[in-house]
Amino acid sequence: MKTCEQFNKVTLSDICRHINNEKGRWAPFFKSTDPDLSCPIKPGVYRFEHSILDLTFFTNFPMEGYRWLTYLKLYSKSKPKRELLCLTSQSSMRWVRKI
């Protein structure tokens, strides 16, 4: 990839189901917030520090040497939909060890 191109799009229609699932794939990530994140989400500033994600799904992808831009938007369920959260992040990855 020499230019910016969309890799994948993921839509989660019920984010609270993932946030409140203490044994789910996303649990370590949501547990790393300060203050604790749970649904219904209260307005405020949440910090994600030392967040952990299970990336074993990506072991066959060429991750190193690329910068990954991520855009996240959270919308209300009510009509008309309102944008509640907008997050943009940039990350680069390197393998520490492959299992």
N, C-alpha and C. Protein backbone atom coordinates (compact mmCIF):
# COMPACT_ATOMS: atom_id res chain seq x y z
N MET A 1 0.84 -1.17 0.00
CA MET A 1 0.00 0.00 0.00
C MET A 1 0.89 1.24 0.00
N LYS A 2 1.00 1.88 -1.12
CA LYS A 2 1.79 3.10 -1.19
C LYS A 2 0.94 4.33 -0.94
N THR A 3 -0.35 4.19 -1.09
CA THR A 3 -1.26 5.30 -0.83
C THR A 3 -2.29 4.87 0.20
N CYS A 4 -3.03 5.83 0.68
CA CYS A 4 -4.05 5.53 1.68
C CYS A 4 -5.23 4.85 1.00
N GLU A 5 -5.62 3.70 1.49
CA GLU A 5 -6.78 3.02 0.93
C GLU A 5 -7.54 2.34 2.07
N GLN A 6 -8.84 2.22 1.89
CA GLN A 6 -9.67 1.60 2.93
C GLN A 6 -9.41 0.11 2.95
N PHE A 7 -9.10 -0.41 4.15
CA PHE A 7 -8.83 -1.83 4.30
C PHE A 7 -10.10 -2.60 4.62
N ASN A 8 -10.86 -2.11 5.58
CA ASN A 8 -12.05 -2.82 6.00
C ASN A 8 -12.98 -1.87 6.74
N LYS A 9 -14.25 -2.19 6.75
CA LYS A 9 -15.23 -1.41 7.49
C LYS A 9 -15.99 -2.37 8.40
N VAL A 10 -16.08 -2.02 9.67
CA VAL A 10 -16.78 -2.85 10.64
C VAL A 10 -17.90 -2.02 11.25
N THR A 11 -19.09 -2.60 11.32
CA THR A 11 -20.23 -1.92 11.93
C THR A 11 -20.73 -2.77 13.10
N LEU A 12 -20.80 -2.17 14.27
CA LEU A 12 -21.35 -2.83 15.45
C LEU A 12 -22.67 -2.13 15.76
N SER A 13 -23.77 -2.85 15.59
CA SER A 13 -25.07 -2.21 15.77
C SER A 13 -25.50 -2.10 17.23
N ASP A 14 -24.93 -2.88 18.11
CA ASP A 14 -25.31 -2.82 19.52
C ASP A 14 -24.03 -2.76 20.36
N ILE A 15 -23.41 -1.59 20.40
CA ILE A 15 -22.12 -1.42 21.07
C ILE A 15 -22.20 -1.76 22.56
N CYS A 16 -23.34 -1.51 23.19
CA CYS A 16 -23.47 -1.80 24.62
C CYS A 16 -23.34 -3.29 24.92
N ARG A 17 -23.78 -4.12 23.99
CA ARG A 17 -23.63 -5.57 24.17
C ARG A 17 -22.15 -5.93 24.27
N HIS A 18 -21.31 -5.26 23.50
CA HIS A 18 -19.87 -5.53 23.53
C HIS A 18 -19.20 -4.90 24.75
N ILE A 19 -19.63 -3.70 25.10
CA ILE A 19 -19.04 -3.01 26.25
C ILE A 19 -19.35 -3.76 27.54
N ASN A 20 -20.56 -4.25 27.71
CA ASN A 20 -20.96 -4.91 28.95
C ASN A 20 -20.61 -6.39 29.01
N ASN A 21 -20.11 -6.97 27.94
CA ASN A 21 -19.73 -8.39 27.91
C ASN A 21 -18.34 -8.55 28.51
N GLU A 22 -18.27 -9.02 29.76
CA GLU A 22 -17.00 -9.12 30.47
C GLU A 22 -16.09 -10.23 29.97
N LYS A 23 -16.61 -11.14 29.14
CA LYS A 23 -15.79 -12.24 28.63
C LYS A 23 -15.57 -12.14 27.12
N GLY A 24 -16.04 -11.08 26.52
CA GLY A 24 -15.95 -10.93 25.08
C GLY A 24 -14.57 -10.52 24.59
N ARG A 25 -14.41 -10.55 23.29
CA ARG A 25 -13.14 -10.20 22.64
C ARG A 25 -12.69 -8.78 22.98
N TRP A 26 -13.64 -7.88 23.15
CA TRP A 26 -13.31 -6.47 23.39
C TRP A 26 -13.19 -6.13 24.88
N ALA A 27 -13.47 -7.08 25.77
CA ALA A 27 -13.51 -6.81 27.21
C ALA A 27 -12.23 -6.17 27.75
N PRO A 28 -11.04 -6.70 27.44
CA PRO A 28 -9.83 -6.06 27.98
C PRO A 28 -9.68 -4.61 27.54
N PHE A 29 -10.10 -4.32 26.32
CA PHE A 29 -10.01 -2.95 25.82
C PHE A 29 -10.94 -2.03 26.60
N PHE A 30 -12.19 -2.43 26.76
CA PHE A 30 -13.15 -1.59 27.47
C PHE A 30 -12.85 -1.50 28.96
N LYS A 31 -12.19 -2.51 29.52
CA LYS A 31 -11.82 -2.49 30.94
C LYS A 31 -10.67 -1.53 31.21
N SER A 32 -9.97 -1.10 30.16
CA SER A 32 -8.79 -0.25 30.35
C SER A 32 -9.13 1.24 30.40
N THR A 33 -10.40 1.58 30.48
CA THR A 33 -10.77 2.99 30.49
C THR A 33 -10.75 3.57 31.90
N ASP A 34 -10.52 4.85 31.95
CA ASP A 34 -10.59 5.58 33.21
C ASP A 34 -11.40 6.83 32.94
N PRO A 35 -12.58 6.99 33.52
CA PRO A 35 -13.27 6.09 34.44
C PRO A 35 -13.80 4.85 33.72
N ASP A 36 -14.29 3.88 34.50
CA ASP A 36 -14.83 2.65 33.92
C ASP A 36 -15.92 2.97 32.91
N LEU A 37 -15.91 2.23 31.82
CA LEU A 37 -16.89 2.42 30.76
C LEU A 37 -17.95 1.33 30.86
N SER A 38 -19.20 1.73 30.94
CA SER A 38 -20.31 0.78 30.94
C SER A 38 -21.53 1.47 30.35
N CYS A 39 -22.48 0.67 29.94
CA CYS A 39 -23.69 1.23 29.32
C CYS A 39 -24.80 1.35 30.35
N PRO A 40 -25.61 2.37 30.24
CA PRO A 40 -25.54 3.42 29.23
C PRO A 40 -24.30 4.30 29.46
N ILE A 41 -23.70 4.75 28.37
CA ILE A 41 -22.48 5.55 28.44
C ILE A 41 -22.84 6.95 28.92
N LYS A 42 -22.15 7.38 29.96
CA LYS A 42 -22.39 8.71 30.51
C LYS A 42 -21.46 9.71 29.82
N PRO A 43 -21.92 10.93 29.59
CA PRO A 43 -21.05 11.94 28.98
C PRO A 43 -19.82 12.16 29.85
N GLY A 44 -18.69 12.38 29.23
CA GLY A 44 -17.47 12.63 29.97
C GLY A 44 -16.25 12.38 29.13
N VAL A 45 -15.11 12.48 29.75
CA VAL A 45 -13.83 12.22 29.09
C VAL A 45 -13.33 10.87 29.57
N TYR A 46 -13.06 9.98 28.64
CA TYR A 46 -12.58 8.64 28.96
C TYR A 46 -11.18 8.48 28.40
N ARG A 47 -10.29 7.96 29.22
CA ARG A 47 -8.91 7.73 28.78
C ARG A 47 -8.68 6.24 28.61
N PHE A 48 -8.07 5.88 27.50
CA PHE A 48 -7.67 4.50 27.22
C PHE A 48 -6.16 4.43 27.36
N GLU A 49 -5.69 3.82 28.43
CA GLU A 49 -4.25 3.70 28.64
C GLU A 49 -3.87 2.24 28.75
N HIS A 50 -2.80 1.88 28.08
CA HIS A 50 -2.30 0.50 28.08
C HIS A 50 -3.42 -0.47 27.69
N SER A 51 -4.16 -0.09 26.67
CA SER A 51 -5.27 -0.92 26.20
C SER A 51 -4.76 -2.19 25.54
N ILE A 52 -5.49 -3.27 25.72
CA ILE A 52 -5.10 -4.56 25.17
C ILE A 52 -6.18 -5.03 24.20
N LEU A 53 -5.74 -5.44 23.02
CA LEU A 53 -6.64 -6.02 22.03
C LEU A 53 -6.06 -7.35 21.57
N ASP A 54 -6.91 -8.34 21.40
CA ASP A 54 -6.49 -9.63 20.87
C ASP A 54 -6.38 -9.51 19.35
N LEU A 55 -5.16 -9.48 18.85
CA LEU A 55 -4.93 -9.30 17.41
C LEU A 55 -4.50 -10.58 16.72
N THR A 56 -4.77 -11.74 17.32
CA THR A 56 -4.34 -12.99 16.70
C THR A 56 -4.97 -13.19 15.33
N PHE A 57 -6.12 -12.58 15.10
CA PHE A 57 -6.76 -12.65 13.79
C PHE A 57 -5.85 -12.09 12.70
N PHE A 58 -5.00 -11.12 13.07
CA PHE A 58 -4.19 -10.42 12.10
C PHE A 58 -2.82 -11.04 11.84
N THR A 59 -2.52 -12.20 12.42
CA THR A 59 -1.16 -12.74 12.27
C THR A 59 -0.76 -13.02 10.84
N ASN A 60 -1.71 -13.19 9.94
CA ASN A 60 -1.37 -13.45 8.54
C ASN A 60 -1.37 -12.19 7.67
N PHE A 61 -1.62 -11.04 8.27
CA PHE A 61 -1.62 -9.79 7.52
C PHE A 61 -0.27 -9.10 7.65
N PRO A 62 0.16 -8.38 6.62
CA PRO A 62 1.42 -7.63 6.72
C PRO A 62 1.22 -6.36 7.55
N MET A 63 1.41 -6.46 8.85
CA MET A 63 1.12 -5.35 9.75
C MET A 63 2.29 -4.39 9.88
N GLU A 64 3.51 -4.92 9.93
CA GLU A 64 4.66 -4.07 10.18
C GLU A 64 4.96 -3.18 8.99
N GLY A 65 5.44 -1.99 9.29
CA GLY A 65 5.84 -1.07 8.24
C GLY A 65 4.72 -0.20 7.72
N TYR A 66 3.54 -0.32 8.27
CA TYR A 66 2.41 0.48 7.82
C TYR A 66 1.88 1.32 8.96
N ARG A 67 1.25 2.40 8.62
CA ARG A 67 0.51 3.19 9.60
C ARG A 67 -0.96 2.94 9.36
N TRP A 68 -1.69 2.67 10.42
CA TRP A 68 -3.11 2.37 10.31
C TRP A 68 -3.90 3.54 10.86
N LEU A 69 -4.75 4.12 10.01
CA LEU A 69 -5.63 5.20 10.43
C LEU A 69 -6.99 4.60 10.74
N THR A 70 -7.53 4.96 11.88
CA THR A 70 -8.82 4.41 12.31
C THR A 70 -9.78 5.56 12.58
N TYR A 71 -10.99 5.40 12.09
CA TYR A 71 -12.04 6.38 12.33
C TYR A 71 -13.20 5.65 13.00
N LEU A 72 -13.67 6.20 14.11
CA LEU A 72 -14.77 5.58 14.84
C LEU A 72 -15.84 6.64 15.08
N LYS A 73 -17.07 6.28 14.78
CA LYS A 73 -18.19 7.17 15.06
C LYS A 73 -19.25 6.39 15.82
N LEU A 74 -19.84 7.04 16.80
CA LEU A 74 -20.90 6.44 17.61
C LEU A 74 -22.14 7.30 17.44
N TYR A 75 -23.26 6.64 17.08
CA TYR A 75 -24.51 7.35 16.84
C TYR A 75 -25.56 6.96 17.85
N SER A 76 -26.51 7.85 18.08
CA SER A 76 -27.63 7.56 18.98
C SER A 76 -28.59 6.60 18.29
N LYS A 77 -29.41 5.92 19.10
CA LYS A 77 -30.44 5.04 18.54
C LYS A 77 -31.68 5.82 18.14
N SER A 78 -31.86 6.98 18.74
CA SER A 78 -33.08 7.75 18.49
C SER A 78 -33.09 8.34 17.08
N LYS A 79 -34.27 8.63 16.61
CA LYS A 79 -34.44 9.25 15.29
C LYS A 79 -34.67 10.74 15.48
N PRO A 80 -34.08 11.62 14.75
CA PRO A 80 -33.01 11.33 13.79
C PRO A 80 -31.72 10.98 14.53
N LYS A 81 -30.91 10.14 13.89
CA LYS A 81 -29.64 9.73 14.51
C LYS A 81 -28.76 10.96 14.73
N ARG A 82 -28.13 10.97 15.90
CA ARG A 82 -27.18 12.04 16.20
C ARG A 82 -25.81 11.43 16.41
N GLU A 83 -24.80 12.10 15.95
CA GLU A 83 -23.44 11.64 16.19
C GLU A 83 -23.07 11.99 17.62
N LEU A 84 -22.71 10.97 18.41
CA LEU A 84 -22.38 11.17 19.81
C LEU A 84 -20.88 11.22 20.06
N LEU A 85 -20.12 10.52 19.22
CA LEU A 85 -18.68 10.41 19.43
C LEU A 85 -17.99 10.31 18.09
N CYS A 86 -16.88 10.96 17.98
CA CYS A 86 -16.05 10.85 16.79
C CYS A 86 -14.61 10.68 17.27
N LEU A 87 -13.94 9.64 16.83
CA LEU A 87 -12.58 9.35 17.28
C LEU A 87 -11.73 9.01 16.07
N THR A 88 -10.58 9.62 15.98
CA THR A 88 -9.62 9.32 14.93
C THR A 88 -8.32 8.92 15.61
N SER A 89 -7.72 7.84 15.15
CA SER A 89 -6.44 7.43 15.73
C SER A 89 -5.50 6.95 14.63
N GLN A 90 -4.24 6.99 14.94
CA GLN A 90 -3.22 6.48 14.04
C GLN A 90 -2.34 5.55 14.85
N SER A 91 -2.02 4.40 14.28
CA SER A 91 -1.17 3.46 15.01
C SER A 91 -0.22 2.78 14.04
N SER A 92 0.84 2.30 14.59
CA SER A 92 1.76 1.44 13.84
C SER A 92 2.00 0.24 14.73
N MET A 93 2.27 -0.87 14.11
CA MET A 93 2.40 -2.11 14.88
C MET A 93 3.70 -2.81 14.54
N ARG A 94 4.19 -3.53 15.52
CA ARG A 94 5.33 -4.41 15.29
C ARG A 94 5.12 -5.65 16.15
N TRP A 95 5.57 -6.76 15.63
CA TRP A 95 5.42 -8.02 16.35
C TRP A 95 6.49 -8.13 17.42
N VAL A 96 6.07 -8.42 18.62
CA VAL A 96 7.00 -8.71 19.70
C VAL A 96 7.35 -10.19 19.64
N ARG A 97 6.32 -11.01 19.47
CA ARG A 97 6.50 -12.44 19.23
C ARG A 97 5.22 -12.99 18.65
N LYS A 98 5.35 -13.96 17.80
CA LYS A 98 4.18 -14.64 17.25
C LYS A 98 4.07 -15.98 17.95
N ILE A 99 2.87 -16.31 18.36
CA ILE A 99 2.65 -17.58 19.06
C ILE A 99 2.26 -18.64 18.07
